[in-house]
Amino acid sequence: MAARLQSVRGTHDILPEEARKFRRVVETFRAVAERYAFGEIATPIFEFTEVFSRSLGEATDVVTKEMYTFTDRSGDSITLRPEYTAGIARAFLSNGLQQETPCRFYAWGPMFRHERPQKGRLRQFHQLDVEIIGVAEAQADVELLALAYDLLSELGVADKVTLELNTLGDHESRARYRDALVKYFSAHVSTLSEDSRARLDKNPLRILDSKDAGDRAIINNAPLFTDYLNEASLAFFADVKRGLEALHIPYKVNPRLVRGLDYYTHTAFEFTTEALGAQGTVLAGGRYDGLIEELGGPATPGVGWASGIERLSMLIGDLEPGPRPIAVIPVGAATQEVAHIIAHDARRAGHIVDMSYRGNMGKRLTRANKLRARAAVIVGEDELARGVIVIRDLDAGTQTEVPRDRLVAALDAFR
């Protein structure tokens, strides 16, 4: 049976032009993260399932509906990572880094979630991620938000996004608010969607994130978290806001903003945009002071964020054309070997070189123009016999002969 020659639904091929934007996002991210003294970390693409089910919450959509989970040959339940934070927290514990806090990590790579593919949302997608583990102070939240804002600024999209900010309070405040939500939504249980009814007992805060139109009408009159925050939570949130204001990072408070995973406390935030349609979040995160403990480690504070590379690539738009190559064109079979040596020497000297393999001179020059080549190195038999090589300036339409041993140096004029 012939193979199905299309990608699996929710995946896509990253072709060269898109890959340039992808690389621009990653390289900018790496430069900004290292400027903030973060160290790069790489965790496995799959983990034992409990790493995610324990940390993300058994009732979350990610765990109940979206994880790619399978049983391996040893009988272990394995899950392709749906997000970074849980795996990085596991690595923090597995590698005994508790004595090295604060730990400041950055990472990027593929994630996997079985959800309905939409614009900028795939089943295999890629994320940037940063985490600070071991800092309880609000300064860590501010620093991560500053890193995010610098990244978006350097990508040229800061003016296209809005930082929405909220607080989920400490565990005491969260418990009080949870009770208030259960009481409120229980009075409307008959009109809630099926998903929201399922969340009512296990994770009522997730109802606030429902996109169901009927749920939204009920949510509009739900109690606000700010009415249930204790003094410590209010003070922490005030420190975050004051820190952002000191750095001139604009934000707006969104009291309905929640995060979809159970481990969040205190600060929650999203950078949103209207430039991508309904799927408007391009970077999001928050504080997760209970996550390490949930995984079996000591109580350890943490804060982090993640951003979809595909969405950032869409947001930055088309890039300026890349560097222009030099085209090496052999004329006749006898010049092929010398042409390869010339191309090799030029590449070792730092030039971008395209090597033509077949076709007459006209076809090879047409290919050179299609590639936006800056110059063509024409290797002809007669010229080789005289010890020279032809360089054609494809912008000016002029050409010169240079001695074979001075060719690479002469190409410096076309960088």
Protein backbone atom coordinates (compact mmCIF):
# COMPACT_ATOMS: atom_id res chain seq x y z
CA MET A 1 0.00 0.00 0.00
CA ALA A 2 1.36 3.40 -0.97
CA ALA A 3 2.23 5.79 1.86
CA ARG A 4 -0.07 8.74 2.47
CA LEU A 5 1.98 11.66 1.21
CA GLN A 6 0.71 14.37 3.50
CA SER A 7 1.66 15.43 6.99
CA VAL A 8 -0.44 14.22 9.91
CA ARG A 9 -3.27 16.59 10.85
CA GLY A 10 -2.02 19.27 13.19
CA THR A 11 1.60 19.04 11.99
CA HIS A 12 3.36 20.89 9.21
CA ASP A 13 6.66 21.07 7.39
CA ILE A 14 8.85 24.08 8.13
CA LEU A 15 10.17 25.07 4.72
CA PRO A 16 13.26 27.29 4.23
CA GLU A 17 11.55 30.71 4.21
CA GLU A 18 9.53 29.93 7.34
CA ALA A 19 12.62 28.37 8.89
CA ARG A 20 14.40 31.73 8.53
CA LYS A 21 11.72 33.40 10.66
CA PHE A 22 11.75 30.48 13.10
CA ARG A 23 15.53 30.86 13.46
CA ARG A 24 15.22 34.62 13.90
CA VAL A 25 12.86 34.08 16.83
CA VAL A 26 15.07 31.44 18.47
CA GLU A 27 18.33 33.33 18.00
CA THR A 28 16.83 36.56 19.35
CA PHE A 29 15.40 34.66 22.31
CA ARG A 30 18.72 33.00 23.07
CA ALA A 31 20.57 36.33 22.92
CA VAL A 32 18.10 38.08 25.23
CA ALA A 33 17.92 35.18 27.72
CA GLU A 34 21.71 34.97 27.99
CA ARG A 35 21.89 38.73 28.46
CA TYR A 36 19.74 38.13 31.54
CA ALA A 37 22.24 35.46 32.70
CA PHE A 38 19.95 32.49 32.06
CA GLY A 39 21.51 29.13 31.23
CA GLU A 40 20.22 26.84 28.50
CA ILE A 41 18.61 23.54 29.48
CA ALA A 42 17.30 20.70 27.30
CA THR A 43 14.89 18.13 28.73
CA PRO A 44 13.61 14.96 27.03
CA ILE A 45 10.72 15.18 24.60
CA PHE A 46 8.91 12.49 26.61
CA GLU A 47 8.57 11.90 30.35
CA PHE A 48 6.80 9.47 32.64
CA THR A 49 3.12 10.44 32.45
CA GLU A 50 2.87 11.25 36.16
CA VAL A 51 5.32 14.13 35.74
CA PHE A 52 2.58 15.95 33.84
CA SER A 53 -0.56 14.49 35.45
CA ARG A 54 0.65 15.32 38.99
CA SER A 55 1.92 18.79 38.18
CA LEU A 56 -0.61 20.07 35.65
CA GLY A 57 -3.65 18.75 37.53
CA GLU A 58 -5.77 15.68 36.83
CA ALA A 59 -8.78 17.82 35.87
CA THR A 60 -7.06 20.14 33.43
CA ASP A 61 -7.87 19.99 29.73
CA VAL A 62 -4.24 19.23 28.94
CA VAL A 63 -4.29 16.06 31.07
CA THR A 64 -7.82 14.90 30.34
CA LYS A 65 -8.03 15.67 26.62
CA GLU A 66 -4.77 16.73 25.01
CA MET A 67 -1.79 14.63 26.09
CA TYR A 68 -0.19 12.13 23.72
CA THR A 69 0.25 9.18 26.08
CA PHE A 70 1.30 5.62 25.31
CA THR A 71 2.59 2.50 27.06
CA ASP A 72 6.15 1.58 26.09
CA ARG A 73 7.61 -1.91 25.81
CA SER A 74 8.52 -1.91 29.51
CA GLY A 75 4.89 -1.24 30.46
CA ASP A 76 5.59 2.35 31.57
CA SER A 77 3.11 5.11 30.77
CA ILE A 78 4.97 7.72 28.72
CA THR A 79 3.75 11.13 27.55
CA LEU A 80 5.12 13.45 24.87
CA ARG A 81 5.68 16.75 26.63
CA PRO A 82 2.73 19.16 26.31
CA GLU A 83 4.66 21.99 28.03
CA TYR A 84 8.11 22.70 29.47
CA THR A 85 7.69 23.71 33.11
CA ALA A 86 6.86 20.31 34.60
CA GLY A 87 9.79 18.64 32.86
CA ILE A 88 12.20 21.37 33.94
CA ALA A 89 10.92 21.07 37.52
CA ARG A 90 11.51 17.31 37.31
CA ALA A 91 15.04 17.93 36.00
CA PHE A 92 15.64 20.35 38.88
CA LEU A 93 14.83 17.55 41.33
CA SER A 94 16.42 14.67 39.41
CA ASN A 95 19.75 16.44 39.14
CA GLY A 96 19.89 17.58 42.75
CA LEU A 97 19.87 21.28 41.98
CA GLN A 98 18.08 22.26 45.20
CA GLN A 99 21.38 23.46 46.68
CA GLU A 100 22.11 25.65 43.66
CA THR A 101 19.11 27.97 43.76
CA PRO A 102 18.29 30.34 42.32
CA CYS A 103 18.28 28.41 39.04
CA ARG A 104 17.63 30.40 35.86
CA PHE A 105 16.85 28.31 32.80
CA TYR A 106 15.87 28.91 29.21
CA ALA A 107 14.84 26.28 26.68
CA TRP A 108 13.13 25.86 23.34
CA GLY A 109 11.80 22.90 21.40
CA PRO A 110 8.76 20.93 20.22
CA MET A 111 5.59 20.29 22.27
CA PHE A 112 2.66 17.97 21.58
CA ARG A 113 -1.04 18.46 22.32
CA HIS A 114 -3.96 16.67 20.71
CA GLU A 115 -6.30 19.60 20.21
CA ARG A 116 -8.26 21.02 17.31
CA PRO A 117 -5.75 22.65 14.94
CA GLN A 118 -6.31 26.37 14.43
CA LYS A 119 -4.37 29.31 13.06
CA GLY A 120 -1.06 29.36 14.90
CA ARG A 121 -2.02 26.32 17.01
CA LEU A 122 -0.77 22.90 15.97
CA ARG A 123 -0.59 19.45 17.52
CA GLN A 124 3.17 19.52 17.20
CA PHE A 125 4.25 23.06 17.93
CA HIS A 126 7.36 24.76 19.30
CA GLN A 127 7.85 26.88 22.38
CA LEU A 128 10.34 29.21 23.97
CA ASP A 129 10.48 28.85 27.75
CA VAL A 130 12.16 30.57 30.71
CA GLU A 131 12.04 29.62 34.39
CA ILE A 132 13.40 31.01 37.65
CA ILE A 133 13.33 28.40 40.42
CA GLY A 134 14.06 29.23 44.03
CA VAL A 135 13.12 32.93 44.24
CA ALA A 136 10.04 33.85 46.28
CA GLU A 137 10.31 37.61 45.80
CA ALA A 138 8.24 39.56 43.27
CA GLN A 139 11.46 40.82 41.66
CA ALA A 140 11.72 37.47 39.84
CA ASP A 141 8.27 37.99 38.30
CA VAL A 142 9.25 41.49 37.19
CA GLU A 143 12.54 40.30 35.73
CA LEU A 144 10.84 37.60 33.66
CA LEU A 145 8.28 40.09 32.39
CA ALA A 146 11.11 42.47 31.48
CA LEU A 147 12.85 39.65 29.60
CA ALA A 148 9.63 38.94 27.71
CA TYR A 149 9.12 42.61 26.86
CA ASP A 150 12.72 42.93 25.65
CA LEU A 151 12.29 39.85 23.45
CA LEU A 152 9.09 41.21 21.89
CA SER A 153 10.74 44.60 21.42
CA GLU A 154 13.78 43.15 19.67
CA LEU A 155 11.51 41.11 17.41
CA GLY A 156 9.76 44.38 16.53
CA VAL A 157 6.32 43.35 17.83
CA ALA A 158 6.07 45.02 21.25
CA ASP A 159 3.70 47.62 19.81
CA LYS A 160 1.40 44.82 18.59
CA VAL A 161 0.85 43.20 22.00
CA THR A 162 -0.76 44.06 25.34
CA LEU A 163 0.48 42.72 28.66
CA GLU A 164 -2.54 41.53 30.65
CA LEU A 165 -1.82 40.95 34.32
CA ASN A 166 -3.67 39.35 37.22
CA THR A 167 -3.00 37.73 40.55
CA LEU A 168 -4.21 34.29 41.63
CA GLY A 169 -3.12 34.97 45.20
CA ASP A 170 -1.45 32.61 47.61
CA HIS A 171 -2.92 29.24 48.60
CA GLU A 172 -5.07 30.75 51.35
CA SER A 173 -6.58 33.36 49.01
CA ARG A 174 -7.07 30.78 46.28
CA ALA A 175 -8.94 28.46 48.64
CA ARG A 176 -11.28 31.27 49.71
CA TYR A 177 -11.93 32.26 46.12
CA ARG A 178 -12.46 28.66 45.08
CA ASP A 179 -15.20 28.29 47.70
CA ALA A 180 -16.87 31.47 46.47
CA LEU A 181 -16.78 30.25 42.86
CA VAL A 182 -18.23 26.86 43.74
CA LYS A 183 -21.07 28.55 45.59
CA TYR A 184 -21.74 30.95 42.70
CA PHE A 185 -21.53 28.45 39.84
CA SER A 186 -23.53 25.83 41.75
CA ALA A 187 -26.47 28.22 41.61
CA HIS A 188 -26.15 28.20 37.78
CA VAL A 189 -25.16 24.57 37.27
CA SER A 190 -28.15 23.77 35.05
CA THR A 191 -27.06 26.36 32.46
CA LEU A 192 -23.32 25.66 32.50
CA SER A 193 -21.72 23.76 29.62
CA GLU A 194 -20.86 20.10 30.10
CA ASP A 195 -17.14 20.89 30.43
CA SER A 196 -17.77 23.55 33.05
CA ARG A 197 -20.03 21.28 35.08
CA ALA A 198 -17.21 18.71 35.11
CA ARG A 199 -14.79 21.38 36.34
CA LEU A 200 -17.06 22.65 39.11
CA ASP A 201 -15.84 20.26 41.80
CA LYS A 202 -12.31 19.60 40.61
CA ASN A 203 -11.11 22.89 39.14
CA PRO A 204 -13.68 25.70 39.29
CA LEU A 205 -11.16 28.40 38.35
CA ARG A 206 -10.94 26.81 34.91
CA ILE A 207 -14.59 27.72 34.31
CA LEU A 208 -13.45 31.35 34.12
CA ASP A 209 -11.43 30.41 31.02
CA SER A 210 -14.39 28.85 29.21
CA LYS A 211 -15.06 30.02 25.65
CA ASP A 212 -18.66 28.75 25.65
CA ALA A 213 -21.06 31.65 24.97
CA GLY A 214 -23.53 30.53 27.65
CA ASP A 215 -20.73 30.17 30.20
CA ARG A 216 -19.39 33.63 29.34
CA ALA A 217 -22.71 35.23 30.23
CA ILE A 218 -22.61 33.58 33.67
CA ILE A 219 -18.92 34.32 34.19
CA ASN A 220 -19.50 38.05 33.65
CA ASN A 221 -21.22 38.23 37.05
CA ALA A 222 -18.95 35.81 38.91
CA PRO A 223 -17.08 36.97 42.03
CA LEU A 224 -13.74 38.70 41.40
CA PHE A 225 -10.52 37.27 42.77
CA THR A 226 -9.50 40.70 44.08
CA ASP A 227 -12.31 40.55 46.66
CA TYR A 228 -10.78 37.43 48.25
CA LEU A 229 -7.08 38.33 48.35
CA ASN A 230 -5.38 38.52 51.73
CA GLU A 231 -2.91 41.27 52.61
CA ALA A 232 0.15 39.23 51.65
CA SER A 233 -1.26 38.53 48.17
CA LEU A 234 -2.23 42.17 47.64
CA ALA A 235 1.25 43.30 48.70
CA PHE A 236 2.93 40.83 46.35
CA PHE A 237 0.82 41.99 43.41
CA ALA A 238 1.53 45.62 44.27
CA ASP A 239 5.28 44.86 44.17
CA VAL A 240 4.95 43.33 40.70
CA LYS A 241 3.01 46.31 39.36
CA ARG A 242 5.41 48.78 40.93
CA GLY A 243 8.37 46.95 39.39
CA LEU A 244 6.83 47.06 35.92
CA GLU A 245 6.08 50.75 36.26
CA ALA A 246 9.67 51.45 37.31
CA LEU A 247 10.87 49.77 34.10
CA HIS A 248 8.24 51.58 31.98
CA ILE A 249 6.68 48.30 30.87
CA PRO A 250 2.99 48.98 30.02
CA TYR A 251 0.33 46.60 31.34
CA LYS A 252 -3.34 46.39 32.12
CA VAL A 253 -4.93 44.44 34.96
CA ASN A 254 -7.41 41.80 33.79
CA PRO A 255 -9.24 40.45 36.87
CA ARG A 256 -10.73 37.59 34.80
CA LEU A 257 -7.38 36.28 33.61
CA VAL A 258 -6.63 32.74 34.79
CA ARG A 259 -4.11 30.18 33.67
CA GLY A 260 -5.20 26.71 32.58
CA LEU A 261 -2.83 24.67 34.75
CA ASP A 262 -3.24 23.91 38.44
CA TYR A 263 0.23 24.88 39.58
CA TYR A 264 -0.15 28.67 39.19
CA THR A 265 -0.23 31.03 42.20
CA HIS A 266 0.17 34.80 42.56
CA THR A 267 1.18 36.42 39.26
CA ALA A 268 -0.53 35.32 36.04
CA PHE A 269 0.03 37.12 32.76
CA GLU A 270 -0.47 36.99 29.02
CA PHE A 271 0.87 39.07 26.18
CA THR A 272 -2.06 39.21 23.77
CA THR A 273 -2.54 40.58 20.27
CA GLU A 274 -5.37 41.25 17.85
CA ALA A 275 -3.08 40.67 14.87
CA LEU A 276 -3.59 36.89 14.85
CA GLY A 277 -7.37 36.73 15.03
CA ALA A 278 -9.12 34.74 17.76
CA GLN A 279 -5.93 32.98 18.89
CA GLY A 280 -4.50 36.10 20.44
CA THR A 281 -2.06 34.93 23.13
CA VAL A 282 1.58 34.96 22.04
CA LEU A 283 3.35 34.63 25.41
CA ALA A 284 2.00 33.62 28.81
CA GLY A 285 3.01 32.36 32.22
CA GLY A 286 3.03 33.02 35.92
CA ARG A 287 4.20 31.93 39.33
CA TYR A 288 4.00 28.28 40.48
CA ASP A 289 5.13 28.13 44.11
CA GLY A 290 3.55 24.70 44.73
CA LEU A 291 4.82 22.77 41.71
CA ILE A 292 8.12 21.38 43.05
CA GLU A 293 6.35 20.21 46.20
CA GLU A 294 3.63 18.54 44.10
CA LEU A 295 6.35 16.53 42.35
CA GLY A 296 7.68 15.28 45.68
CA GLY A 297 10.38 17.86 46.32
CA PRO A 298 10.75 20.48 49.05
CA ALA A 299 8.60 23.61 48.98
CA THR A 300 10.36 25.72 46.35
CA PRO A 301 9.04 28.86 44.63
CA GLY A 302 9.15 29.29 40.88
CA VAL A 303 8.00 31.54 38.07
CA GLY A 304 8.19 31.22 34.29
CA TRP A 305 6.63 31.78 30.90
CA ALA A 306 6.37 30.15 27.49
CA SER A 307 5.76 31.49 24.00
CA GLY A 308 4.78 29.75 20.78
CA ILE A 309 7.47 30.11 18.14
CA GLU A 310 4.95 29.65 15.32
CA ARG A 311 2.81 32.51 16.64
CA LEU A 312 5.78 34.82 17.07
CA SER A 313 6.92 33.95 13.54
CA MET A 314 3.49 34.89 12.22
CA LEU A 315 3.58 38.14 14.18
CA ILE A 316 6.97 39.35 12.97
CA GLY A 317 5.89 39.15 9.32
CA ASP A 318 8.24 38.91 6.36
CA LEU A 319 11.96 39.28 6.95
CA GLU A 320 14.39 41.29 4.91
CA PRO A 321 16.08 39.14 2.24
CA GLY A 322 19.04 37.17 3.55
CA PRO A 323 22.68 37.47 2.45
CA ARG A 324 23.26 37.14 -1.27
CA PRO A 325 25.32 34.20 -2.49
CA ILE A 326 28.15 33.89 -4.98
CA ALA A 327 27.29 31.60 -7.91
CA VAL A 328 30.08 29.34 -9.18
CA ILE A 329 29.47 28.30 -12.78
CA PRO A 330 31.72 25.74 -14.49
CA VAL A 331 31.75 25.89 -18.29
CA GLY A 332 32.48 22.45 -19.71
CA ALA A 333 33.14 19.11 -18.04
CA ALA A 334 36.86 19.77 -17.72
CA THR A 335 36.27 22.66 -15.33
CA GLN A 336 33.98 20.85 -12.87
CA GLU A 337 36.73 19.79 -10.46
CA VAL A 338 38.35 23.24 -10.35
CA ALA A 339 34.92 24.82 -9.84
CA HIS A 340 34.35 22.58 -6.81
CA ILE A 341 37.73 23.57 -5.38
CA ILE A 342 36.95 27.27 -5.92
CA ALA A 343 33.55 26.90 -4.22
CA HIS A 344 35.17 25.06 -1.30
CA ASP A 345 37.87 27.67 -0.84
CA ALA A 346 35.34 30.52 -1.00
CA ARG A 347 33.10 28.85 1.59
CA ARG A 348 36.03 28.33 3.93
CA ALA A 349 36.72 32.05 3.58
CA GLY A 350 33.18 32.79 4.77
CA HIS A 351 31.34 33.34 1.48
CA ILE A 352 27.90 31.91 0.77
CA VAL A 353 28.31 29.91 -2.43
CA ASP A 354 25.80 28.22 -4.71
CA MET A 355 27.23 25.60 -7.03
CA SER A 356 25.55 24.96 -10.37
CA TYR A 357 25.47 21.29 -11.36
CA ARG A 358 24.01 21.24 -14.86
CA GLY A 359 22.69 23.31 -17.75
CA ASN A 360 24.23 25.69 -20.23
CA MET A 361 25.61 29.08 -19.29
CA GLY A 362 22.27 30.82 -19.83
CA LYS A 363 20.35 28.45 -17.58
CA ARG A 364 22.96 28.67 -14.87
CA LEU A 365 22.93 32.46 -14.94
CA THR A 366 19.13 32.39 -14.79
CA ARG A 367 19.39 30.25 -11.65
CA ALA A 368 21.95 32.68 -10.21
CA ASN A 369 19.59 35.60 -10.75
CA LYS A 370 16.69 33.68 -9.21
CA LEU A 371 18.84 33.14 -6.11
CA ARG A 372 19.65 36.88 -6.01
CA ALA A 373 23.34 36.07 -6.43
CA ARG A 374 25.61 39.08 -6.06
CA ALA A 375 28.23 37.79 -8.45
CA ALA A 376 28.99 34.81 -10.66
CA VAL A 377 32.37 33.08 -10.80
CA ILE A 378 32.63 31.66 -14.31
CA VAL A 379 35.18 28.88 -14.67
CA GLY A 380 35.99 28.45 -18.37
CA GLU A 381 38.55 26.17 -20.02
CA ASP A 382 40.27 28.95 -22.00
CA GLU A 383 40.55 31.17 -18.93
CA LEU A 384 41.93 28.31 -16.81
CA ALA A 385 44.60 27.71 -19.44
CA ARG A 386 45.66 31.34 -18.96
CA GLY A 387 45.51 31.04 -15.14
CA VAL A 388 42.56 33.42 -14.68
CA ILE A 389 38.92 33.22 -13.57
CA VAL A 390 36.04 35.47 -14.66
CA ILE A 391 34.00 37.30 -12.00
CA ARG A 392 30.74 38.78 -13.27
CA ASP A 393 29.11 41.54 -11.19
CA LEU A 394 25.44 40.61 -11.56
CA ASP A 395 24.25 44.03 -10.37
CA ALA A 396 26.41 46.13 -12.66
CA GLY A 397 26.47 43.66 -15.55
CA THR A 398 30.27 43.97 -15.83
CA GLN A 399 32.92 41.30 -15.58
CA THR A 400 36.64 41.11 -14.89
CA GLU A 401 39.36 38.50 -15.02
CA VAL A 402 41.40 37.84 -11.88
CA PRO A 403 44.38 35.54 -11.35
CA ARG A 404 43.33 32.14 -10.04
CA ASP A 405 45.39 32.53 -6.85
CA ARG A 406 43.79 35.91 -6.03
CA LEU A 407 40.19 34.88 -6.67
CA VAL A 408 39.02 34.42 -3.08
CA ALA A 409 40.46 37.79 -2.03
CA ALA A 410 38.76 39.44 -5.01
CA LEU A 411 35.39 38.05 -3.87
CA ASP A 412 35.57 40.15 -0.70
CA ALA A 413 34.19 43.06 -2.73
CA PHE A 414 30.92 41.15 -3.09
CA ARG A 415 30.20 40.27 0.55
